[in-house]
Amino acid sequence: MMTATILSEVAIPGLPSASGIELIGPVAYVISDDAPFVYLLDASSLATLAQVRLFDTSEFAAGRIPKSSKPDLEALTALTWPNGQAGVLALGSGSTPAREVGWFVPVSGGAPLRVELGQLYALLRLHLAASAVLNLEAAASTATELLLLQRTVGRAGGALLFRLPLVATLAFITASGAAPAVAPPQSFPLPAIDGRPAGFSGATFEGERLLVTASVEDTDDAVLDGSVLGSFVGVVDVAGRTTDFARLVWADGRTYRGKVEGLAVRRTLGPNHWELLLVTDDDAGGSTAVVAEILLK
């Protein structure tokens, strides 16, 4: 049994549509699905420290890049690049041709590196049902594997996990190696709200455990948003292909109706007990940071 209790929620000014978060030391790296930046936040105060420009665009003047042209950065993971630099890799969802791109951002402050993901995503699509749209919403990594989490919108059984060899995959997307072996994705059972299945939205490792978030929208379209019905936090047993989820609630028992897009472990409070930092997207250009306490009983 698992519980997921929200302790606080604050708006993140100037950061539209948060879509992923990673903690590296005292800094939270946050991506947006319709902004040309990676935002750096103080992990304790949640104040914005800096923003790193990934690419130039004239379409951000109104504060959000249009759906038709945005790279839709939805997945973020901390890893070591082939040249030995530590940093974060942000990946587009792949749901349109414009979304087959990503950027590696070094922690050292060096210039972000653009990576083309079209060839890798073509390999992933070979393992999807003919009518399914590639829609990567989360990533996590170990020393040997890159995990990419597929959200097949509006479809039960559409929560899929691709397990890729890390070194070979990074060599492939940097044009220095052959295509990696891509095994069929694992499918995982996720909860539902009002008959609508949840879909993966964020992932991170805490030791050997894969912690994930999943949200529920009233939509069958991988591009168009729908009404948000709520969000869950869960633990995935990758080897056993099982999950344990809890719906996010306030301390007084009210269900939380926000769309959680990513998570990071801010503190370990005890065995099976964590304080998480979550980011949310209201689909209208706003973002919040949520602190939640997770207990796995």
Protein backbone atom coordinates (compact mmCIF):
# COMPACT_ATOMS: atom_id res chain seq x y z
CA MET A 1 0.00 0.00 0.00
CA MET A 2 1.23 3.48 -0.82
CA THR A 3 0.19 6.98 0.23
CA ALA A 4 0.99 10.26 -1.55
CA THR A 5 0.25 13.40 0.44
CA ILE A 6 0.78 16.94 -0.84
CA LEU A 7 2.50 19.23 1.66
CA SER A 8 2.63 22.44 -0.39
CA GLU A 9 2.19 23.90 -3.87
CA VAL A 10 3.59 27.16 -5.24
CA ALA A 11 3.51 28.79 -8.65
CA ILE A 12 6.76 29.03 -10.63
CA PRO A 13 6.71 32.55 -12.13
CA GLY A 14 8.01 32.91 -15.65
CA LEU A 15 8.18 29.18 -16.34
CA PRO A 16 5.46 27.99 -18.73
CA SER A 17 4.22 24.42 -19.00
CA ALA A 18 6.74 22.54 -16.84
CA SER A 19 7.23 19.04 -18.21
CA GLY A 20 10.14 17.41 -16.36
CA ILE A 21 12.52 17.86 -13.43
CA GLU A 22 15.85 16.47 -12.25
CA LEU A 23 17.79 17.33 -9.09
CA ILE A 24 21.57 17.57 -9.28
CA GLY A 25 22.92 18.62 -5.91
CA PRO A 26 21.10 21.77 -4.73
CA VAL A 27 19.82 22.66 -8.21
CA ALA A 28 16.59 21.54 -9.86
CA TYR A 29 16.70 21.41 -13.65
CA VAL A 30 13.23 21.93 -15.13
CA ILE A 31 12.15 21.68 -18.76
CA SER A 32 9.11 23.19 -20.42
CA ASP A 33 7.24 21.66 -23.33
CA ASP A 34 6.73 25.03 -25.05
CA ALA A 35 9.73 27.19 -24.05
CA PRO A 36 13.27 27.35 -25.50
CA PHE A 37 14.96 27.10 -22.10
CA VAL A 38 16.00 24.77 -19.33
CA TYR A 39 15.25 26.50 -16.04
CA LEU A 40 17.50 26.16 -12.98
CA LEU A 41 15.75 26.42 -9.62
CA ASP A 42 17.05 26.36 -6.06
CA ALA A 43 15.84 22.98 -4.84
CA SER A 44 15.09 24.31 -1.35
CA SER A 45 13.57 27.75 -1.92
CA LEU A 46 12.26 26.97 -5.45
CA ALA A 47 13.50 30.38 -6.59
CA THR A 48 14.61 30.56 -10.21
CA LEU A 49 18.40 30.86 -10.40
CA ALA A 50 18.96 30.97 -14.16
CA GLN A 51 17.68 29.81 -17.49
CA VAL A 52 19.73 28.15 -20.20
CA ARG A 53 18.72 28.84 -23.79
CA LEU A 54 18.52 25.69 -25.87
CA PHE A 55 17.65 27.23 -29.23
CA ASP A 56 16.69 30.51 -30.87
CA THR A 57 13.11 31.12 -31.91
CA SER A 58 10.90 34.07 -32.80
CA GLU A 59 7.79 32.15 -31.73
CA PHE A 60 8.25 32.59 -27.98
CA ALA A 61 7.33 36.29 -27.99
CA ALA A 62 3.87 35.52 -26.61
CA GLY A 63 5.32 33.29 -23.89
CA ARG A 64 4.64 29.88 -25.45
CA ILE A 65 5.80 28.25 -28.66
CA PRO A 66 2.79 27.05 -30.73
CA LYS A 67 1.90 23.36 -30.69
CA SER A 68 2.53 23.04 -34.42
CA SER A 69 6.23 23.88 -34.17
CA LYS A 70 7.39 23.31 -30.60
CA PRO A 71 9.91 20.52 -29.89
CA ASP A 72 7.67 19.39 -27.00
CA LEU A 73 10.42 18.54 -24.53
CA GLU A 74 8.70 16.08 -22.19
CA ALA A 75 11.41 13.70 -20.95
CA LEU A 76 14.43 14.59 -18.83
CA THR A 77 17.14 12.49 -17.22
CA ALA A 78 20.51 13.14 -15.60
CA LEU A 79 23.39 11.19 -17.12
CA THR A 80 27.01 11.29 -18.24
CA TRP A 81 27.61 12.19 -21.89
CA PRO A 82 30.07 10.16 -24.01
CA ASN A 83 32.74 12.86 -23.54
CA GLY A 84 32.56 12.42 -19.76
CA GLN A 85 30.48 15.54 -18.99
CA ALA A 86 27.73 15.28 -16.41
CA GLY A 87 24.42 16.89 -17.30
CA VAL A 88 20.79 16.41 -18.25
CA LEU A 89 19.33 15.11 -21.49
CA ALA A 90 16.00 16.61 -22.57
CA LEU A 91 14.06 14.73 -25.23
CA GLY A 92 11.13 15.67 -27.43
CA SER A 93 8.04 13.49 -27.28
CA GLY A 94 8.25 12.30 -30.88
CA SER A 95 4.52 12.82 -31.46
CA THR A 96 5.16 15.04 -34.52
CA PRO A 97 8.22 15.45 -36.80
CA ALA A 98 9.11 18.71 -35.02
CA ARG A 99 9.35 16.74 -31.76
CA GLU A 100 12.15 14.38 -32.77
CA VAL A 101 14.95 16.44 -31.24
CA GLY A 102 16.66 16.82 -27.89
CA TRP A 103 19.42 18.70 -26.08
CA PHE A 104 22.17 17.70 -23.67
CA VAL A 105 22.86 20.43 -21.08
CA PRO A 106 26.18 20.10 -19.20
CA VAL A 107 26.18 20.83 -15.48
CA SER A 108 29.48 22.64 -16.02
CA GLY A 109 27.67 25.41 -17.85
CA GLY A 110 28.93 24.64 -21.33
CA ALA A 111 26.80 25.22 -24.41
CA PRO A 112 23.82 22.84 -24.85
CA LEU A 113 24.28 20.21 -27.55
CA ARG A 114 21.40 19.55 -29.96
CA VAL A 115 20.81 15.90 -30.84
CA GLU A 116 18.64 14.53 -33.64
CA LEU A 117 16.35 11.74 -32.46
CA GLY A 118 14.46 10.82 -35.64
CA GLN A 119 16.40 7.62 -36.35
CA LEU A 120 16.14 6.41 -32.76
CA TYR A 121 12.43 7.16 -32.63
CA ALA A 122 11.89 5.27 -35.89
CA LEU A 123 13.29 2.18 -34.16
CA LEU A 124 10.89 2.63 -31.25
CA ARG A 125 7.87 3.03 -33.55
CA LEU A 126 8.53 -0.41 -35.01
CA HIS A 127 7.37 -1.85 -31.68
CA LEU A 128 4.12 0.16 -31.37
CA ALA A 129 0.68 -0.86 -32.57
CA ALA A 130 -0.08 0.42 -36.06
CA SER A 131 -2.53 3.05 -34.80
CA ALA A 132 -0.42 4.20 -31.83
CA VAL A 133 1.44 7.53 -31.85
CA LEU A 134 4.91 7.68 -30.32
CA ASN A 135 4.53 9.94 -27.30
CA LEU A 136 7.49 9.76 -24.91
CA GLU A 137 6.66 11.53 -21.66
CA ALA A 138 9.43 10.49 -19.28
CA ALA A 139 12.98 9.18 -19.09
CA ALA A 140 15.25 7.71 -16.44
CA SER A 141 18.73 6.24 -16.57
CA THR A 142 21.10 3.95 -14.74
CA ALA A 143 24.79 3.39 -15.36
CA THR A 144 23.90 0.93 -18.11
CA GLU A 145 20.37 1.66 -19.32
CA LEU A 146 18.27 4.49 -20.71
CA LEU A 147 14.57 4.04 -19.96
CA LEU A 148 12.01 5.83 -22.13
CA LEU A 149 8.38 5.80 -21.04
CA GLN A 150 5.62 5.87 -23.64
CA ARG A 151 2.19 7.35 -22.94
CA THR A 152 -0.31 6.02 -25.47
CA VAL A 153 -3.10 8.54 -24.91
CA GLY A 154 -6.58 7.31 -24.10
CA ARG A 155 -5.74 3.61 -24.35
CA ALA A 156 -5.72 1.02 -21.60
CA GLY A 157 -2.47 -0.95 -21.72
CA GLY A 158 -0.71 1.97 -23.34
CA ALA A 159 1.82 2.59 -20.57
CA LEU A 160 5.00 1.21 -22.12
CA LEU A 161 8.63 1.15 -21.06
CA PHE A 162 11.52 0.93 -23.52
CA ARG A 163 14.81 -0.30 -22.02
CA LEU A 164 17.78 0.76 -24.15
CA PRO A 165 21.52 0.15 -23.67
CA LEU A 166 22.80 3.52 -22.48
CA VAL A 167 26.28 3.65 -24.04
CA ALA A 168 25.15 2.32 -27.43
CA THR A 169 22.13 4.64 -27.54
CA LEU A 170 24.16 7.75 -26.75
CA ALA A 171 26.73 6.76 -29.38
CA PHE A 172 23.93 6.33 -31.93
CA ILE A 173 22.27 9.71 -31.32
CA THR A 174 25.66 11.44 -31.48
CA ALA A 175 26.41 9.75 -34.82
CA SER A 176 29.37 7.84 -33.44
CA GLY A 177 27.92 4.35 -33.26
CA ALA A 178 25.60 1.81 -34.84
CA ALA A 179 21.92 1.50 -34.04
CA PRO A 180 21.30 0.00 -30.60
CA ALA A 181 19.29 -3.16 -30.10
CA VAL A 182 15.70 -2.19 -29.26
CA ALA A 183 13.64 -4.84 -27.51
CA PRO A 184 9.83 -4.73 -27.48
CA PRO A 185 8.62 -2.43 -24.72
CA GLN A 186 7.29 -3.70 -21.42
CA SER A 187 3.64 -2.93 -20.64
CA PHE A 188 2.52 -1.92 -17.16
CA PRO A 189 -0.89 -1.69 -15.49
CA LEU A 190 -1.77 1.86 -14.45
CA PRO A 191 -4.82 3.11 -12.54
CA ALA A 192 -7.74 5.02 -14.05
CA ILE A 193 -10.07 7.87 -13.08
CA ASP A 194 -13.66 7.92 -14.34
CA GLY A 195 -12.79 5.22 -16.83
CA ARG A 196 -9.85 7.12 -18.30
CA PRO A 197 -6.50 5.32 -17.95
CA ALA A 198 -3.50 7.12 -16.51
CA GLY A 199 -0.39 7.58 -18.60
CA PHE A 200 3.25 7.90 -17.58
CA SER A 201 4.35 11.53 -17.13
CA GLY A 202 7.62 11.43 -15.15
CA ALA A 203 10.26 9.01 -13.87
CA THR A 204 13.36 8.91 -11.69
CA PHE A 205 15.44 6.32 -9.91
CA GLU A 206 15.83 6.25 -6.15
CA GLY A 207 18.44 3.59 -5.59
CA GLU A 208 17.13 0.46 -7.30
CA ARG A 209 13.54 1.70 -7.34
CA LEU A 210 11.93 3.40 -10.33
CA LEU A 211 9.57 6.10 -9.08
CA VAL A 212 7.06 7.44 -11.59
CA THR A 213 4.22 9.88 -11.96
CA ALA A 214 1.12 9.29 -14.05
CA SER A 215 -1.65 11.69 -14.91
CA VAL A 216 -5.14 11.35 -16.35
CA GLU A 217 -6.59 13.55 -19.07
CA ASP A 218 -9.95 13.31 -20.79
CA THR A 219 -8.50 13.08 -24.31
CA ASP A 220 -7.68 10.53 -27.02
CA ASP A 221 -5.21 12.81 -28.84
CA ALA A 222 -1.43 12.79 -28.31
CA VAL A 223 -1.19 16.48 -29.30
CA LEU A 224 -4.41 18.11 -28.09
CA ASP A 225 -4.92 18.53 -24.35
CA GLY A 226 -8.00 17.42 -22.44
CA SER A 227 -9.52 18.13 -19.04
CA VAL A 228 -7.19 16.99 -16.25
CA LEU A 229 -8.78 14.49 -13.87
CA GLY A 230 -5.90 13.91 -11.45
CA SER A 231 -2.43 12.44 -10.94
CA PHE A 232 -0.71 9.49 -9.27
CA VAL A 233 2.74 8.66 -7.90
CA GLY A 234 3.95 5.10 -8.18
CA VAL A 235 6.76 2.59 -7.83
CA VAL A 236 7.50 0.35 -10.81
CA ASP A 237 9.14 -3.05 -10.44
CA VAL A 238 10.81 -3.24 -13.85
CA ALA A 239 11.93 -6.84 -13.49
CA GLY A 240 8.61 -8.08 -12.13
CA ARG A 241 6.49 -5.84 -14.37
CA THR A 242 4.31 -4.74 -11.45
CA THR A 243 3.32 -1.33 -10.14
CA ASP A 244 2.08 0.22 -6.91
CA PHE A 245 0.29 3.57 -7.23
CA ALA A 246 -1.31 6.13 -4.95
CA ARG A 247 -3.45 9.05 -6.03
CA LEU A 248 -2.12 12.42 -4.91
CA VAL A 249 -4.25 13.95 -2.17
CA TRP A 250 -4.04 16.92 0.15
CA ALA A 251 -3.47 16.33 3.87
CA ASP A 252 -7.20 16.79 4.54
CA GLY A 253 -8.06 14.03 2.07
CA ARG A 254 -9.11 16.18 -0.90
CA THR A 255 -8.01 14.73 -4.21
CA TYR A 256 -5.48 16.73 -6.18
CA ARG A 257 -6.68 17.69 -9.66
CA GLY A 258 -3.43 19.01 -11.14
CA LYS A 259 -1.43 17.41 -13.96
CA VAL A 260 1.92 16.26 -12.59
CA GLU A 261 4.60 16.13 -15.30
CA GLY A 262 7.75 15.10 -13.46
CA LEU A 263 9.28 14.18 -10.12
CA ALA A 264 12.56 14.18 -8.25
CA VAL A 265 13.47 12.92 -4.79
CA ARG A 266 14.28 15.90 -2.59
CA ARG A 267 14.84 14.00 0.67
CA THR A 268 14.84 10.42 1.91
CA LEU A 269 12.86 10.44 5.16
CA GLY A 270 13.29 6.77 6.01
CA PRO A 271 12.91 3.30 4.55
CA ASN A 272 10.25 3.49 1.81
CA HIS A 273 9.59 7.11 2.78
CA TRP A 274 10.47 10.10 0.58
CA GLU A 275 9.86 13.79 0.10
CA LEU A 276 9.35 14.46 -3.60
CA LEU A 277 9.52 17.62 -5.64
CA LEU A 278 6.96 17.51 -8.45
CA VAL A 279 6.28 19.91 -11.30
CA THR A 280 2.90 20.47 -12.91
CA ASP A 281 1.48 21.97 -16.10
CA ASP A 282 -1.99 23.55 -16.20
CA ASP A 283 -2.15 23.44 -20.04
CA ALA A 284 -2.68 27.20 -20.03
CA GLY A 285 0.94 28.29 -19.68
CA GLY A 286 1.23 28.03 -15.90
CA SER A 287 3.45 25.78 -13.79
CA THR A 288 3.67 24.87 -10.12
CA ALA A 289 6.14 23.10 -7.86
CA VAL A 290 4.57 20.60 -5.49
CA VAL A 291 6.19 19.06 -2.43
CA ALA A 292 4.72 15.67 -1.57
CA GLU A 293 5.41 12.99 1.03
CA ILE A 294 5.37 9.41 -0.24
CA LEU A 295 5.16 6.39 2.03
CA LEU A 296 5.29 2.80 0.79
CA LYS A 297 3.85 0.56 3.53
